[in-house]
Amino acid sequence: MALRKFFGFSEGELMRSDSKPCTRLMRQTAGICSVGGALGFWTLCRLHYGPRITVPRSLRWAACGAVSVSSTSALLVRLFSPECEPQNIAVYDNGK
């Protein structure tokens, strides 16, 4: 699924054995970005609604921000990270 070979960024070589596996890299990136997405969308909600803000509305915006930003960042890591190329997943990213 990685697009690095398609765009010419990869020659198909294997990564170093001490690098992080693709699944762990995606999980960590999504976790970090979910916090940033929640805070960012909560801020946008405060700016958009002003004094008419309610707690359920702000929580809904924060949840949508967390889900959308974390899933987008995980997809971008999957598409453009060298750890997520097919040959590296086959060698290093096995379910232990």
N, C-alpha and C. Protein backbone atom coordinates (compact mmCIF):
# COMPACT_ATOMS: atom_id res chain seq x y z
N MET A 1 0.81 -1.19 0.00
CA MET A 1 0.00 0.00 0.00
C MET A 1 0.86 1.26 0.00
N ALA A 2 2.14 1.14 0.29
CA ALA A 2 2.99 2.31 0.34
C ALA A 2 3.17 2.90 -1.06
N LEU A 3 3.14 4.21 -1.13
CA LEU A 3 3.26 4.91 -2.41
C LEU A 3 4.68 5.38 -2.69
N ARG A 4 5.63 5.02 -1.83
CA ARG A 4 7.00 5.50 -2.03
C ARG A 4 7.61 4.96 -3.32
N LYS A 5 7.38 3.70 -3.63
CA LYS A 5 7.94 3.13 -4.85
C LYS A 5 7.28 3.74 -6.08
N PHE A 6 5.98 4.00 -6.00
CA PHE A 6 5.24 4.61 -7.11
C PHE A 6 5.80 5.99 -7.45
N PHE A 7 6.15 6.78 -6.43
CA PHE A 7 6.68 8.12 -6.66
C PHE A 7 8.19 8.15 -6.86
N GLY A 8 8.86 7.01 -6.76
CA GLY A 8 10.29 6.94 -7.01
C GLY A 8 11.16 7.24 -5.80
N PHE A 9 10.58 7.16 -4.57
CA PHE A 9 11.35 7.44 -3.36
C PHE A 9 12.03 6.20 -2.80
N SER A 10 11.77 5.03 -3.39
CA SER A 10 12.27 3.78 -2.83
C SER A 10 12.81 2.89 -3.93
N GLU A 11 13.88 2.16 -3.60
CA GLU A 11 14.42 1.18 -4.53
C GLU A 11 14.09 -0.24 -4.09
N GLY A 12 13.31 -0.40 -3.04
CA GLY A 12 12.91 -1.72 -2.58
C GLY A 12 13.86 -2.37 -1.61
N GLU A 13 14.78 -1.62 -1.00
CA GLU A 13 15.71 -2.22 -0.06
C GLU A 13 15.04 -2.41 1.31
N LEU A 14 15.59 -3.31 2.11
CA LEU A 14 15.07 -3.56 3.45
C LEU A 14 15.58 -2.49 4.41
N MET A 15 14.77 -2.17 5.42
CA MET A 15 15.20 -1.21 6.43
C MET A 15 16.08 -1.91 7.46
N ARG A 16 16.67 -1.13 8.36
CA ARG A 16 17.51 -1.71 9.41
C ARG A 16 16.65 -2.51 10.37
N SER A 17 17.23 -3.50 10.97
CA SER A 17 16.46 -4.40 11.84
C SER A 17 16.05 -3.75 13.15
N ASP A 18 16.69 -2.63 13.57
CA ASP A 18 16.32 -1.99 14.83
C ASP A 18 15.28 -0.87 14.65
N SER A 19 14.71 -0.73 13.46
CA SER A 19 13.67 0.27 13.22
C SER A 19 12.34 -0.22 13.79
N LYS A 20 11.42 0.74 13.99
CA LYS A 20 10.10 0.39 14.51
C LYS A 20 9.27 -0.28 13.42
N PRO A 21 8.48 -1.29 13.78
CA PRO A 21 7.58 -1.89 12.79
C PRO A 21 6.48 -0.91 12.38
N CYS A 22 5.89 -1.17 11.26
CA CYS A 22 4.88 -0.27 10.69
C CYS A 22 3.66 -0.12 11.59
N THR A 23 3.18 -1.22 12.16
CA THR A 23 1.97 -1.12 12.98
C THR A 23 2.20 -0.28 14.23
N ARG A 24 3.37 -0.42 14.85
CA ARG A 24 3.65 0.37 16.04
C ARG A 24 3.82 1.84 15.68
N LEU A 25 4.46 2.12 14.55
CA LEU A 25 4.63 3.50 14.12
C LEU A 25 3.28 4.15 13.82
N MET A 26 2.38 3.41 13.16
CA MET A 26 1.04 3.95 12.88
C MET A 26 0.26 4.18 14.17
N ARG A 27 0.34 3.25 15.10
CA ARG A 27 -0.40 3.37 16.36
C ARG A 27 0.09 4.56 17.19
N GLN A 28 1.41 4.75 17.27
CA GLN A 28 1.94 5.86 18.04
C GLN A 28 1.61 7.20 17.39
N THR A 29 1.71 7.27 16.09
CA THR A 29 1.39 8.51 15.38
C THR A 29 -0.09 8.86 15.55
N ALA A 30 -0.96 7.87 15.42
CA ALA A 30 -2.39 8.13 15.57
C ALA A 30 -2.73 8.56 17.00
N GLY A 31 -2.09 7.97 17.98
CA GLY A 31 -2.34 8.35 19.37
C GLY A 31 -1.94 9.77 19.67
N ILE A 32 -0.78 10.17 19.18
CA ILE A 32 -0.31 11.54 19.41
C ILE A 32 -1.19 12.54 18.66
N CYS A 33 -1.53 12.23 17.43
CA CYS A 33 -2.32 13.16 16.62
C CYS A 33 -3.77 13.24 17.06
N SER A 34 -4.28 12.23 17.74
CA SER A 34 -5.66 12.31 18.22
C SER A 34 -5.79 13.39 19.30
N VAL A 35 -4.78 13.54 20.14
CA VAL A 35 -4.82 14.60 21.16
C VAL A 35 -4.78 15.97 20.48
N GLY A 36 -3.89 16.13 19.52
CA GLY A 36 -3.81 17.39 18.80
C GLY A 36 -5.07 17.70 18.01
N GLY A 37 -5.68 16.68 17.41
CA GLY A 37 -6.92 16.89 16.67
C GLY A 37 -8.07 17.29 17.58
N ALA A 38 -8.14 16.66 18.76
CA ALA A 38 -9.19 17.01 19.72
C ALA A 38 -9.04 18.45 20.19
N LEU A 39 -7.82 18.84 20.52
CA LEU A 39 -7.60 20.23 20.96
C LEU A 39 -7.85 21.23 19.84
N GLY A 40 -7.43 20.88 18.64
CA GLY A 40 -7.63 21.80 17.51
C GLY A 40 -9.09 21.98 17.16
N PHE A 41 -9.85 20.89 17.11
CA PHE A 41 -11.27 21.01 16.78
C PHE A 41 -12.06 21.63 17.92
N TRP A 42 -11.66 21.41 19.17
CA TRP A 42 -12.31 22.07 20.30
C TRP A 42 -12.12 23.58 20.20
N THR A 43 -10.91 24.00 19.81
CA THR A 43 -10.65 25.44 19.62
C THR A 43 -11.49 25.99 18.48
N LEU A 44 -11.59 25.25 17.38
CA LEU A 44 -12.43 25.70 16.27
C LEU A 44 -13.90 25.81 16.69
N CYS A 45 -14.35 24.89 17.51
CA CYS A 45 -15.73 24.94 18.00
C CYS A 45 -15.94 26.18 18.86
N ARG A 46 -14.99 26.49 19.72
CA ARG A 46 -15.10 27.69 20.56
C ARG A 46 -15.13 28.95 19.70
N LEU A 47 -14.32 28.98 18.66
CA LEU A 47 -14.30 30.15 17.77
C LEU A 47 -15.59 30.25 16.95
N HIS A 48 -16.11 29.12 16.52
CA HIS A 48 -17.29 29.12 15.66
C HIS A 48 -18.56 29.51 16.41
N TYR A 49 -18.78 28.92 17.60
CA TYR A 49 -20.02 29.14 18.32
C TYR A 49 -19.96 30.28 19.33
N GLY A 50 -18.79 30.64 19.80
CA GLY A 50 -18.67 31.74 20.74
C GLY A 50 -19.41 31.47 22.05
N PRO A 51 -20.25 32.41 22.47
CA PRO A 51 -20.94 32.23 23.77
C PRO A 51 -22.06 31.19 23.73
N ARG A 52 -22.45 30.71 22.56
CA ARG A 52 -23.53 29.71 22.47
C ARG A 52 -23.01 28.29 22.63
N ILE A 53 -21.78 28.14 23.04
CA ILE A 53 -21.16 26.82 23.16
C ILE A 53 -21.82 26.02 24.28
N THR A 54 -22.00 24.74 24.06
CA THR A 54 -22.50 23.84 25.10
C THR A 54 -21.48 22.70 25.25
N VAL A 55 -21.54 22.04 26.38
CA VAL A 55 -20.58 20.96 26.65
C VAL A 55 -20.74 19.80 25.66
N PRO A 56 -21.97 19.31 25.40
CA PRO A 56 -22.07 18.20 24.43
C PRO A 56 -21.57 18.58 23.04
N ARG A 57 -21.83 19.81 22.64
CA ARG A 57 -21.38 20.26 21.32
C ARG A 57 -19.86 20.31 21.25
N SER A 58 -19.22 20.83 22.29
CA SER A 58 -17.75 20.90 22.27
C SER A 58 -17.13 19.52 22.34
N LEU A 59 -17.75 18.61 23.12
CA LEU A 59 -17.22 17.24 23.17
C LEU A 59 -17.39 16.52 21.84
N ARG A 60 -18.50 16.79 21.15
CA ARG A 60 -18.72 16.17 19.85
C ARG A 60 -17.68 16.66 18.84
N TRP A 61 -17.40 17.96 18.84
CA TRP A 61 -16.38 18.49 17.95
C TRP A 61 -15.00 17.91 18.28
N ALA A 62 -14.69 17.80 19.56
CA ALA A 62 -13.38 17.26 19.96
C ALA A 62 -13.26 15.79 19.55
N ALA A 63 -14.32 15.03 19.72
CA ALA A 63 -14.28 13.61 19.33
C ALA A 63 -14.11 13.47 17.82
N CYS A 64 -14.85 14.27 17.06
CA CYS A 64 -14.71 14.22 15.59
C CYS A 64 -13.30 14.63 15.16
N GLY A 65 -12.74 15.62 15.81
CA GLY A 65 -11.37 16.04 15.50
C GLY A 65 -10.35 14.96 15.81
N ALA A 66 -10.52 14.30 16.96
CA ALA A 66 -9.58 13.24 17.33
C ALA A 66 -9.63 12.09 16.34
N VAL A 67 -10.83 11.68 15.97
CA VAL A 67 -10.97 10.55 15.04
C VAL A 67 -10.45 10.90 13.66
N SER A 68 -10.82 12.07 13.16
CA SER A 68 -10.42 12.42 11.79
C SER A 68 -8.92 12.66 11.67
N VAL A 69 -8.32 13.36 12.61
CA VAL A 69 -6.88 13.64 12.51
C VAL A 69 -6.06 12.38 12.76
N SER A 70 -6.47 11.54 13.70
CA SER A 70 -5.68 10.33 13.96
C SER A 70 -5.76 9.35 12.79
N SER A 71 -6.94 9.21 12.20
CA SER A 71 -7.04 8.28 11.07
C SER A 71 -6.31 8.82 9.84
N THR A 72 -6.36 10.12 9.63
CA THR A 72 -5.63 10.70 8.50
C THR A 72 -4.13 10.56 8.68
N SER A 73 -3.64 10.81 9.89
CA SER A 73 -2.20 10.69 10.12
C SER A 73 -1.74 9.24 10.00
N ALA A 74 -2.53 8.29 10.47
CA ALA A 74 -2.16 6.88 10.33
C ALA A 74 -2.13 6.46 8.86
N LEU A 75 -3.08 6.97 8.08
CA LEU A 75 -3.09 6.67 6.64
C LEU A 75 -1.86 7.25 5.96
N LEU A 76 -1.48 8.48 6.30
CA LEU A 76 -0.30 9.09 5.68
C LEU A 76 0.98 8.36 6.06
N VAL A 77 1.07 7.91 7.31
CA VAL A 77 2.24 7.11 7.72
C VAL A 77 2.27 5.81 6.92
N ARG A 78 1.12 5.18 6.77
CA ARG A 78 1.05 3.91 6.03
C ARG A 78 1.46 4.10 4.57
N LEU A 79 1.09 5.23 3.97
CA LEU A 79 1.37 5.45 2.56
C LEU A 79 2.80 5.90 2.29
N PHE A 80 3.40 6.69 3.19
CA PHE A 80 4.66 7.33 2.86
C PHE A 80 5.84 6.95 3.74
N SER A 81 5.66 6.10 4.72
CA SER A 81 6.77 5.72 5.59
C SER A 81 7.54 4.55 4.99
N PRO A 82 8.87 4.59 5.05
CA PRO A 82 9.64 3.47 4.51
C PRO A 82 9.42 2.17 5.29
N GLU A 83 9.04 2.27 6.56
CA GLU A 83 8.78 1.06 7.34
C GLU A 83 7.54 0.32 6.85
N CYS A 84 6.67 1.00 6.12
CA CYS A 84 5.41 0.40 5.67
C CYS A 84 5.44 -0.06 4.22
N GLU A 85 6.63 -0.21 3.67
CA GLU A 85 6.74 -0.79 2.34
C GLU A 85 6.50 -2.30 2.45
N PRO A 86 5.98 -2.91 1.40
CA PRO A 86 5.60 -4.33 1.49
C PRO A 86 6.73 -5.27 1.91
N GLN A 87 7.94 -5.03 1.42
CA GLN A 87 9.03 -5.94 1.77
C GLN A 87 9.41 -5.80 3.24
N ASN A 88 9.26 -4.62 3.84
CA ASN A 88 9.57 -4.45 5.25
C ASN A 88 8.47 -5.01 6.14
N ILE A 89 7.24 -4.90 5.72
CA ILE A 89 6.14 -5.50 6.49
C ILE A 89 6.28 -7.02 6.49
N ALA A 90 6.64 -7.59 5.35
CA ALA A 90 6.78 -9.04 5.26
C ALA A 90 7.90 -9.57 6.16
N VAL A 91 8.96 -8.79 6.32
CA VAL A 91 10.11 -9.27 7.10
C VAL A 91 9.99 -8.93 8.58
N TYR A 92 9.66 -7.67 8.90
CA TYR A 92 9.77 -7.19 10.28
C TYR A 92 8.45 -7.06 11.03
N ASP A 93 7.34 -6.94 10.35
CA ASP A 93 6.08 -6.59 11.01
C ASP A 93 5.18 -7.81 11.13
N ASN A 94 5.68 -8.85 11.76
CA ASN A 94 4.87 -10.06 11.94
C ASN A 94 4.18 -10.00 13.30
N GLY A 95 3.03 -10.60 13.39
CA GLY A 95 2.26 -10.59 14.64
C GLY A 95 2.85 -11.55 15.67
N LYS A 96 3.62 -11.00 16.58
CA LYS A 96 4.24 -11.85 17.61
C LYS A 96 3.36 -11.95 18.82
